[in-house]
Protein backbone atom coordinates (compact mmCIF):
# COMPACT_ATOMS: atom_id res chain seq x y z
CA MET A 1 -13.77 7.79 22.71
CA ILE A 2 -15.48 10.57 20.96
CA ASP A 3 -19.17 10.21 20.16
CA VAL A 4 -20.30 11.39 16.95
CA TYR A 5 -24.14 11.85 16.52
CA THR A 6 -25.42 13.64 12.71
CA LEU A 7 -28.67 15.65 13.88
CA PHE A 8 -29.48 16.92 10.79
CA SER A 9 -27.63 16.18 7.11
CA GLY A 10 -28.35 17.44 3.46
CA SER A 11 -29.92 20.52 1.79
CA SER A 12 -32.67 20.98 4.62
CA GLY A 13 -29.92 21.60 7.27
CA ASN A 14 -26.69 20.25 8.57
CA CYS A 15 -25.80 19.92 12.04
CA VAL A 16 -23.27 17.19 14.14
CA TYR A 17 -23.12 16.80 17.66
CA VAL A 18 -19.74 15.88 19.34
CA LYS A 19 -18.98 15.01 22.65
CA ASN A 20 -16.11 13.77 24.57
CA ASP A 21 -16.02 13.42 28.54
CA ASP A 22 -17.88 16.70 29.49
CA THR A 23 -16.94 18.32 26.37
CA GLU A 24 -19.98 18.87 23.90
CA ILE A 25 -19.79 20.67 20.61
CA LEU A 26 -21.76 21.53 17.38
CA ILE A 27 -20.07 21.27 13.80
CA ASP A 28 -22.66 23.71 12.03
CA ALA A 29 -26.09 24.96 13.04
CA GLY A 30 -28.28 24.61 9.92
CA ARG A 31 -31.63 24.29 11.38
CA SER A 32 -33.62 26.53 13.46
CA CYS A 33 -32.66 26.77 17.04
CA GLY A 34 -35.90 24.93 18.18
CA ALA A 35 -35.34 21.69 15.99
CA ILE A 36 -31.79 21.69 16.84
CA GLU A 37 -32.81 21.57 20.67
CA LYS A 38 -35.28 19.10 20.03
CA SER A 39 -32.67 16.57 18.86
CA LEU A 40 -30.60 17.30 21.31
CA SER A 41 -32.80 16.69 23.86
CA ALA A 42 -33.37 13.29 22.44
CA LEU A 43 -30.19 12.13 23.07
CA GLY A 44 -30.15 13.37 26.69
CA THR A 45 -28.52 16.78 26.31
CA SER A 46 -29.35 20.77 25.33
CA LEU A 47 -27.64 24.03 24.25
CA ARG A 48 -27.17 24.60 27.48
CA ARG A 49 -24.26 22.19 27.52
CA ILE A 50 -22.73 23.52 24.15
CA LYS A 51 -19.25 24.56 24.49
CA ALA A 52 -18.91 26.03 21.02
CA ILE A 53 -20.23 25.86 17.56
CA PHE A 54 -17.82 25.36 14.80
CA VAL A 55 -19.17 26.56 11.23
CA THR A 56 -17.75 24.67 8.14
CA HIS A 57 -19.28 27.86 5.55
CA GLU A 58 -21.90 30.60 5.87
CA HIS A 59 -24.57 28.99 3.89
CA SER A 60 -28.02 28.96 5.03
CA ASP A 61 -28.25 25.36 5.45
CA HIS A 62 -25.25 25.07 7.59
CA THR A 63 -26.01 28.57 9.51
CA GLN A 64 -30.03 29.03 9.89
CA GLY A 65 -30.00 28.45 13.41
CA LEU A 66 -27.05 30.84 14.52
CA GLU A 67 -28.84 33.77 15.30
CA VAL A 68 -31.44 32.59 17.59
CA ILE A 69 -29.27 30.30 19.42
CA SER A 70 -26.68 33.23 19.66
CA LYS A 71 -29.27 35.37 21.39
CA LYS A 72 -30.80 32.80 23.59
CA PHE A 73 -27.79 30.84 24.52
CA GLN A 74 -24.45 33.11 24.29
CA ILE A 75 -22.43 30.05 22.77
CA PRO A 76 -18.95 31.04 21.16
CA VAL A 77 -19.34 30.43 17.45
CA TYR A 78 -15.93 29.92 15.45
CA MET A 79 -15.94 30.67 11.77
CA THR A 80 -13.24 31.50 9.36
CA SER A 81 -12.82 35.05 8.29
CA PRO A 82 -13.66 34.83 4.87
CA SER A 83 -17.28 33.35 6.35
CA TYR A 84 -17.27 35.56 8.93
CA HIS A 85 -16.79 39.02 7.00
CA ASN A 86 -19.40 37.55 4.31
CA TYR A 87 -22.24 36.34 6.49
CA VAL A 88 -22.25 38.58 10.21
CA ARG A 89 -23.93 41.51 10.15
CA GLY A 90 -22.88 44.34 12.54
CA GLY A 91 -25.37 44.68 15.53
CA SER A 92 -26.59 40.85 15.05
CA TYR A 93 -26.90 38.69 18.27
CA LEU A 94 -24.47 36.55 16.42
CA GLN A 95 -22.09 39.47 15.65
CA ARG A 96 -21.45 39.29 19.70
CA MET A 97 -20.57 35.75 19.78
CA ALA A 98 -18.70 35.06 16.77
CA ILE A 99 -15.27 34.66 16.62
CA SER A 100 -13.03 35.11 13.22
CA CYS A 101 -10.66 32.30 12.95
CA GLU A 102 -7.46 31.35 10.51
CA ILE A 103 -8.04 28.24 8.68
CA GLU A 104 -5.73 25.41 9.90
CA LYS A 105 -5.43 27.01 13.32
CA GLU A 106 -6.12 24.62 15.85
CA LYS A 107 -8.59 25.69 19.06
CA ASP A 108 -8.87 23.67 22.18
CA ILE A 109 -12.10 23.57 23.93
CA GLY A 110 -12.47 21.11 26.75
CA SER A 111 -10.80 17.67 26.21
CA LEU A 112 -11.21 18.38 22.61
CA ASN A 113 -8.94 19.84 19.95
CA ILE A 114 -10.03 21.29 16.98
CA LYS A 115 -8.22 22.35 13.63
CA SER A 116 -9.78 23.14 10.22
CA PHE A 117 -8.62 22.66 6.59
CA PRO A 118 -9.95 23.95 3.33
CA ILE A 119 -12.39 22.62 0.84
CA PRO A 120 -13.11 23.90 -2.28
CA HIS A 121 -16.89 25.16 -2.62
CA ASP A 122 -18.44 28.14 -3.96
CA SER A 123 -18.80 29.81 -0.36
CA ALA A 124 -16.87 32.53 0.73
CA GLN A 125 -14.35 29.77 2.24
CA ASN A 126 -15.66 26.14 3.12
CA VAL A 127 -13.50 24.06 5.51
CA GLY A 128 -13.74 20.52 7.05
CA TYR A 129 -12.52 19.57 10.82
CA VAL A 130 -10.62 17.26 12.17
CA ILE A 131 -11.35 16.52 15.80
CA SER A 132 -8.89 15.16 18.73
CA SER A 133 -9.01 13.83 22.11
CA ARG A 134 -6.51 12.38 24.01
CA ASP A 135 -7.07 8.79 22.34
CA ASP A 136 -9.23 9.40 19.17
CA THR A 137 -9.41 11.42 16.30
CA PHE A 138 -12.67 12.15 13.88
CA GLY A 139 -13.25 13.96 10.46
CA ILE A 140 -15.88 15.65 8.78
CA ALA A 141 -16.10 16.90 5.35
CA THR A 142 -19.00 18.33 3.16
CA ASP A 143 -20.10 20.32 0.35
CA ILE A 144 -16.87 18.92 -1.84
CA GLY A 145 -16.42 20.46 -5.03
CA HIS A 146 -13.72 17.84 -5.69
CA PRO A 147 -11.27 15.95 -3.57
CA THR A 148 -7.84 17.71 -3.15
CA GLU A 149 -4.76 16.50 -1.56
CA ILE A 150 -5.42 18.83 1.65
CA ILE A 151 -9.00 16.93 2.59
CA ALA A 152 -7.05 13.17 1.78
CA ASP A 153 -4.14 14.36 4.20
CA ASN A 154 -6.52 15.65 7.02
CA LEU A 155 -9.08 12.59 6.52
CA SER A 156 -6.41 9.83 6.49
CA LYS A 157 -5.44 11.06 10.19
CA CYS A 158 -8.84 10.05 11.36
CA LYS A 159 -10.36 6.75 12.78
CA ARG A 160 -13.61 7.60 11.56
CA ILE A 161 -15.25 10.17 9.39
CA ILE A 162 -18.08 11.88 8.10
CA ILE A 163 -18.18 12.49 4.38
CA GLU A 164 -20.00 14.07 1.64
CA SER A 165 -21.92 11.72 -0.87
CA ASN A 166 -24.17 14.12 -2.36
CA HIS A 167 -25.09 12.81 -5.94
CA ASP A 168 -25.91 10.35 -8.31
CA ILE A 169 -24.48 11.72 -11.49
CA GLU A 170 -27.30 10.54 -14.22
CA MET A 171 -29.95 11.40 -11.23
CA VAL A 172 -28.88 14.83 -11.67
CA GLU A 173 -28.56 15.34 -15.54
CA LYS A 174 -31.98 13.51 -15.89
CA GLY A 175 -33.62 15.18 -12.99
CA PRO A 176 -35.57 18.36 -13.33
CA TYR A 177 -33.18 20.92 -11.89
CA PRO A 178 -32.14 23.76 -14.69
CA ARG A 179 -29.30 23.58 -16.45
CA PHE A 180 -27.74 26.13 -14.53
CA LEU A 181 -28.02 24.63 -11.23
CA LYS A 182 -26.78 21.10 -12.47
CA ASP A 183 -23.92 22.67 -13.71
CA ARG A 184 -23.08 24.01 -10.36
CA ILE A 185 -23.53 20.91 -8.30
CA LEU A 186 -21.26 18.95 -10.85
CA SER A 187 -18.67 21.65 -11.14
CA GLN A 188 -15.14 22.14 -9.29
CA SER A 189 -17.07 23.96 -6.35
CA GLY A 190 -20.09 21.98 -6.30
CA HIS A 191 -20.62 18.79 -4.38
CA LEU A 192 -19.14 15.16 -4.24
CA SER A 193 -20.72 12.72 -6.18
CA ASN A 194 -21.23 9.21 -4.86
CA ASP A 195 -18.42 7.55 -7.15
CA LYS A 196 -16.04 10.06 -6.47
CA CYS A 197 -16.66 9.65 -2.79
CA ALA A 198 -16.24 6.07 -3.00
CA GLN A 199 -12.74 6.52 -4.63
CA LEU A 200 -11.79 8.76 -1.87
CA CYS A 201 -13.32 6.35 0.80
CA ALA A 202 -11.37 3.62 -0.45
CA TYR A 203 -8.06 5.52 -0.46
CA LEU A 204 -8.59 6.83 3.37
CA CYS A 205 -9.21 3.27 4.40
CA ASP A 206 -5.79 2.47 2.58
CA LYS A 207 -4.45 5.19 5.11
CA GLY A 208 -6.12 3.57 8.35
CA VAL A 209 -9.59 5.00 8.13
CA CYS A 210 -11.78 2.39 9.99
CA GLY A 211 -15.82 3.73 10.08
CA ILE A 212 -17.32 5.83 7.58
CA THR A 213 -20.68 7.88 7.41
CA LEU A 214 -21.87 9.24 4.00
CA ALA A 215 -23.82 12.85 4.48
CA HIS A 216 -24.95 15.74 2.68
CA LEU A 217 -27.03 13.52 0.50
CA SER A 218 -29.16 15.16 -2.09
CA GLN A 219 -33.14 14.68 -1.40
CA GLU A 220 -33.36 15.52 -5.36
CA ASN A 221 -30.51 13.60 -7.01
CA ASN A 222 -29.76 10.73 -4.78
CA LEU A 223 -31.11 7.98 -2.60
CA PRO A 224 -29.30 6.34 0.80
CA LYS A 225 -29.58 3.19 -0.84
CA LEU A 226 -28.32 4.01 -3.79
CA ALA A 227 -25.11 6.29 -2.08
CA TYR A 228 -24.54 3.21 0.21
CA GLY A 229 -24.66 0.52 -2.43
CA GLN A 230 -21.93 2.39 -4.89
CA VAL A 231 -19.44 2.92 -2.12
CA ARG A 232 -19.72 -0.20 -0.50
CA GLU A 233 -19.52 -1.88 -3.23
CA HIS A 234 -16.09 0.08 -4.30
CA LEU A 235 -15.00 -0.45 -1.18
CA ASN A 236 -15.36 -4.31 -1.06
CA ALA A 237 -13.48 -4.45 -4.55
CA CYS A 238 -10.53 -2.62 -3.02
CA GLY A 239 -10.64 -5.01 -0.30
CA PHE A 240 -12.52 -3.04 2.61
CA GLU A 241 -15.54 -5.10 2.82
CA ASN A 242 -14.83 -5.23 7.07
CA VAL A 243 -15.09 -1.01 7.04
CA PRO A 244 -17.98 -0.23 8.61
CA LEU A 245 -20.53 2.21 6.10
CA LYS A 246 -23.48 4.05 7.59
CA VAL A 247 -25.63 6.69 5.82
CA ALA A 248 -26.79 9.66 8.08
CA PHE A 249 -30.68 10.50 8.79
CA ALA A 250 -31.97 13.83 7.11
CA ASP A 251 -33.33 14.45 10.55
CA ILE A 252 -31.94 12.40 13.60
CA THR A 253 -35.94 12.57 15.40
CA VAL A 254 -37.93 11.34 12.45
CA ASN A 255 -38.39 7.39 13.04
CA VAL A 256 -37.28 5.74 9.74
CA THR A 257 -36.76 2.14 9.51
CA ASN A 258 -34.31 1.98 6.83
CA GLU A 259 -31.18 -0.97 7.23
CA TYR A 260 -28.58 1.82 5.76
CA SER A 261 -29.27 4.77 8.05
CA TYR A 262 -29.01 5.31 11.49
CA PRO A 263 -30.25 7.90 14.17
CA TYR A 264 -27.33 7.59 16.66
CA PRO A 265 -23.91 7.19 17.22
CA MET A 266 -21.24 6.57 14.77
CA LEU A 267 -20.07 3.05 15.56
CA HIS A 268 -17.19 2.89 18.39
CA ILE A 269 -14.40 1.47 16.25
CA GLY A 270 -11.89 -0.22 18.42
CA LYS A 271 -8.60 1.16 18.62
């Protein structure tokens, strides 16, 4: 069974820890090296045990810690060619560790198989990942401008998923952001709203997904209770009231009492 922990989630930084047997990897490193090491320490592990980091895209809330991590721990960093060429600087420590990959090409790291798939977003290239072991399959997709058949097809192969539920449309429209930023968030290359996330989740549950964690919630344009409520209501209406639904903490090390949040692994859903 693959263990999945959201260390950080949201506009302040994103990082997901994945473990299977003796294989440990990260998806993104969007907080400082010290913050990520602190979070891993809370789980009884360390960056010294991480075998690889897979990057979704080059925006800073997904890459902030990579340079220092590369300098201190020499961990291989995999990212798509467009993200690599847009982000990696010549002569940096990251350049020594970064590996440019083609989209949808599979990579085996220990007991895990990792495959990327494209996601529309206003970056050089954004991807999600399907991560498989001998007996389990997990998927992650965030920073979703709009749902696509490719996203749905890849996530439908997974038992459990982390998926973006970034904003409530009404909160965006009535919020303090300038118009250009509102338009970016709401655009086809921006972020996924709660209602669109709900529709996509219902489709995926119909295809066999049996555990969902909502992630990358906006601190300004969403609330955990609101995201959970909108998605839960739609799933229930579609007959999926028994599918576990969670909301990721923004920071795993923060002790927050919230019945809709969790700081530790996604539920181990029976096969």
